[in-house]
Amino acid sequence: MSTAFTPRAITPDALKQLRDTDDAGRPCVPFTDPEGGDPLRCCLRPARAGERIALVSYAPLRRWAAETGAEPGAYDEQGPVFIHADPCEGPELAATRTEYPYARAGALRAFRRYDAGGTIVGGRLLEVPEDTTAGFDEALTEAFADPRVALVHVRAVEYGCFHFEVRRPTA
């Protein structure tokens, strides 16, 4: 089974900026991950032991708004994300992706829905089921059934971390 929607990683242009100064204005401080497992938002996979990564502050809605002209106002927020400290291969191609990133059965995920103006228009809490792909597909199908929804941010409930975004599919 493959995913019905395309998870989007942080763009290469944004990564280049974040590897210098993050969205909170702090310099990037790389480190070597001794154990691996941290969720990388640049390539949508877990870090491997020994990789150079960085924990940076990222404002996904702000960056989307700058691209689209939206005005998210108070919904603009920033939070911690892990990225490779150096350029990486990026995410696997959507055509070959067979599951959603960071989809672990039993984990809690928030699906925050935003309209084209950057205003939140709802959300959903998902306890990820055993069939993780079907669970994510269902939550995203439900979100995009609302014609106001332009994009969805998927976040971990445990830490509030941004995992990835999905934009409204185009015909």
Protein backbone atom coordinates (compact mmCIF):
# COMPACT_ATOMS: atom_id res chain seq x y z
CA MET A 1 0.00 0.00 0.00
CA SER A 2 1.26 3.51 -0.72
CA THR A 3 0.25 6.79 0.83
CA ALA A 4 -2.66 8.71 -0.71
CA PHE A 5 -1.20 12.11 0.21
CA THR A 6 2.27 13.59 -0.15
CA PRO A 7 4.10 14.49 3.08
CA ARG A 8 6.30 17.54 2.48
CA ALA A 9 9.69 17.92 4.08
CA ILE A 10 11.29 21.28 4.88
CA THR A 11 12.35 22.84 1.56
CA PRO A 12 16.02 23.02 0.54
CA ASP A 13 15.96 26.85 0.64
CA ALA A 14 14.56 26.86 4.18
CA LEU A 15 17.09 24.21 5.24
CA LYS A 16 19.95 26.32 3.94
CA GLN A 17 18.75 29.22 6.10
CA LEU A 18 18.09 27.02 9.15
CA ARG A 19 21.59 25.56 8.95
CA ASP A 20 22.86 29.10 9.49
CA THR A 21 20.25 30.78 11.71
CA ASP A 22 16.97 29.22 12.83
CA ASP A 23 13.53 30.85 12.83
CA ALA A 24 14.09 32.07 16.40
CA GLY A 25 17.27 33.89 15.33
CA ARG A 26 19.67 31.44 16.97
CA PRO A 27 22.74 30.00 15.24
CA CYS A 28 22.64 26.35 14.22
CA VAL A 29 24.67 24.14 16.60
CA PRO A 30 25.38 20.75 14.98
CA PHE A 31 26.16 17.63 16.99
CA THR A 32 26.80 13.97 16.29
CA ASP A 33 23.81 11.81 17.16
CA PRO A 34 25.22 8.95 19.27
CA GLU A 35 22.15 6.67 19.10
CA GLY A 36 20.03 7.74 16.13
CA GLY A 37 16.25 7.75 16.02
CA ASP A 38 15.54 11.49 16.07
CA PRO A 39 12.94 12.43 13.41
CA LEU A 40 14.66 14.41 10.65
CA ARG A 41 12.38 16.93 8.93
CA CYS A 42 14.76 17.41 5.98
CA CYS A 43 14.48 13.87 4.66
CA LEU A 44 11.50 12.53 6.65
CA ARG A 45 13.32 9.61 8.23
CA PRO A 46 14.90 8.84 11.59
CA ALA A 47 18.52 9.88 12.14
CA ARG A 48 21.10 7.12 12.08
CA ALA A 49 23.70 6.71 14.82
CA GLY A 50 26.74 8.84 14.07
CA GLU A 51 25.01 11.34 11.77
CA ARG A 52 25.63 15.07 12.23
CA ILE A 53 22.30 16.71 13.01
CA ALA A 54 21.00 19.90 14.59
CA LEU A 55 17.97 20.85 16.65
CA VAL A 56 16.62 24.14 15.31
CA SER A 57 13.53 26.28 15.75
CA TYR A 58 11.24 26.16 12.72
CA ALA A 59 8.12 28.18 11.86
CA PRO A 60 6.31 26.12 9.19
CA LEU A 61 3.18 28.24 8.88
CA ARG A 62 5.23 31.45 8.68
CA ARG A 63 7.31 30.03 5.85
CA TRP A 64 4.21 28.78 3.99
CA ALA A 65 2.58 32.20 4.46
CA ALA A 66 5.63 33.96 3.00
CA GLU A 67 5.34 31.70 -0.04
CA THR A 68 1.57 32.14 -0.51
CA GLY A 69 0.87 35.64 0.82
CA ALA A 70 -1.28 34.32 3.68
CA GLU A 71 -1.52 36.17 7.00
CA PRO A 72 -1.60 33.58 9.82
CA GLY A 73 -1.45 36.17 12.60
CA ALA A 74 -1.55 34.52 16.01
CA TYR A 75 -1.49 31.04 14.45
CA ASP A 76 2.15 31.59 13.48
CA GLU A 77 4.27 29.50 15.80
CA GLN A 78 7.73 28.01 15.90
CA GLY A 79 9.12 24.94 17.54
CA PRO A 80 12.00 22.49 17.61
CA VAL A 81 12.80 20.19 14.70
CA PHE A 82 15.77 17.98 13.90
CA ILE A 83 17.56 18.41 10.57
CA HIS A 84 20.79 17.13 9.08
CA ALA A 85 23.58 19.60 9.85
CA ASP A 86 24.76 19.32 6.24
CA PRO A 87 22.79 18.94 2.99
CA CYS A 88 21.23 15.49 2.60
CA GLU A 89 19.47 13.47 -0.06
CA GLY A 90 16.04 14.81 0.95
CA PRO A 91 12.94 12.65 1.33
CA GLU A 92 12.34 9.53 -0.68
CA LEU A 93 10.27 10.14 -3.77
CA ALA A 94 6.52 10.23 -3.18
CA ALA A 95 6.10 7.63 -5.93
CA THR A 96 8.14 5.12 -3.93
CA ARG A 97 6.89 6.01 -0.44
CA THR A 98 4.91 3.18 1.09
CA GLU A 99 4.08 4.73 4.47
CA TYR A 100 3.86 8.07 6.21
CA PRO A 101 6.90 9.28 8.14
CA TYR A 102 6.88 8.94 11.93
CA ALA A 103 3.74 6.78 11.83
CA ARG A 104 4.09 4.56 14.88
CA ALA A 105 1.06 2.55 16.02
CA GLY A 106 -0.21 3.87 19.36
CA ALA A 107 1.39 7.32 19.01
CA LEU A 108 -0.79 10.41 19.17
CA ARG A 109 -0.78 12.86 16.25
CA ALA A 110 -2.55 16.17 15.85
CA PHE A 111 -3.72 17.09 12.35
CA ARG A 112 -4.07 20.89 12.31
CA ARG A 113 -6.03 22.28 9.39
CA TYR A 114 -5.40 25.73 7.90
CA ASP A 115 -7.25 27.72 5.25
CA ALA A 116 -5.62 29.68 2.42
CA GLY A 117 -5.39 32.76 4.65
CA GLY A 118 -3.42 30.89 7.33
CA THR A 119 -6.26 30.66 9.86
CA ILE A 120 -6.77 27.40 11.69
CA VAL A 121 -10.07 25.81 10.66
CA GLY A 122 -10.07 22.74 12.83
CA GLY A 123 -8.08 19.71 13.62
CA ARG A 124 -8.15 16.12 14.66
CA LEU A 125 -6.39 13.97 17.19
CA LEU A 126 -5.37 10.57 15.88
CA GLU A 127 -4.16 7.65 17.91
CA VAL A 128 -2.21 5.96 15.15
CA PRO A 129 -3.78 2.54 14.46
CA GLU A 130 -1.95 -0.67 13.57
CA ASP A 131 -2.62 0.06 9.88
CA THR A 132 -0.76 3.36 10.06
CA THR A 133 -1.15 4.25 6.38
CA ALA A 134 -4.91 3.75 6.43
CA GLY A 135 -5.17 5.84 9.62
CA PHE A 136 -3.23 8.76 8.15
CA ASP A 137 -5.12 8.49 4.83
CA GLU A 138 -8.44 8.62 6.68
CA ALA A 139 -7.46 11.67 8.77
CA LEU A 140 -6.17 13.54 5.71
CA THR A 141 -9.17 12.59 3.57
CA GLU A 142 -11.43 13.91 6.32
CA ALA A 143 -9.42 17.15 6.52
CA PHE A 144 -9.47 17.85 2.78
CA ALA A 145 -13.20 17.04 2.56
CA ASP A 146 -13.60 20.56 3.99
CA PRO A 147 -13.12 22.83 0.96
CA ARG A 148 -11.62 25.55 3.18
CA VAL A 149 -8.59 23.43 4.10
CA ALA A 150 -5.48 24.41 2.13
CA LEU A 151 -2.92 22.50 4.19
CA VAL A 152 -2.57 20.22 7.18
CA HIS A 153 0.28 20.16 9.68
CA VAL A 154 0.92 16.82 11.35
CA ARG A 155 2.41 17.14 14.83
CA ALA A 156 3.39 14.84 17.66
CA VAL A 157 1.13 15.34 20.66
CA GLU A 158 3.79 14.19 23.12
CA TYR A 159 6.20 17.03 22.36
CA GLY A 160 4.16 19.25 20.03
CA CYS A 161 6.81 18.83 17.35
CA PHE A 162 5.99 19.57 13.73
CA HIS A 163 6.44 16.40 11.69
CA PHE A 164 5.40 17.35 8.16
CA GLU A 165 2.79 19.18 6.15
CA VAL A 166 0.40 18.02 3.46
CA ARG A 167 -1.02 20.51 1.00
CA ARG A 168 -4.39 20.19 -0.72
CA PRO A 169 -3.94 17.80 -3.64
CA THR A 170 -4.24 19.43 -7.04
CA ALA A 171 -6.22 17.89 -9.84
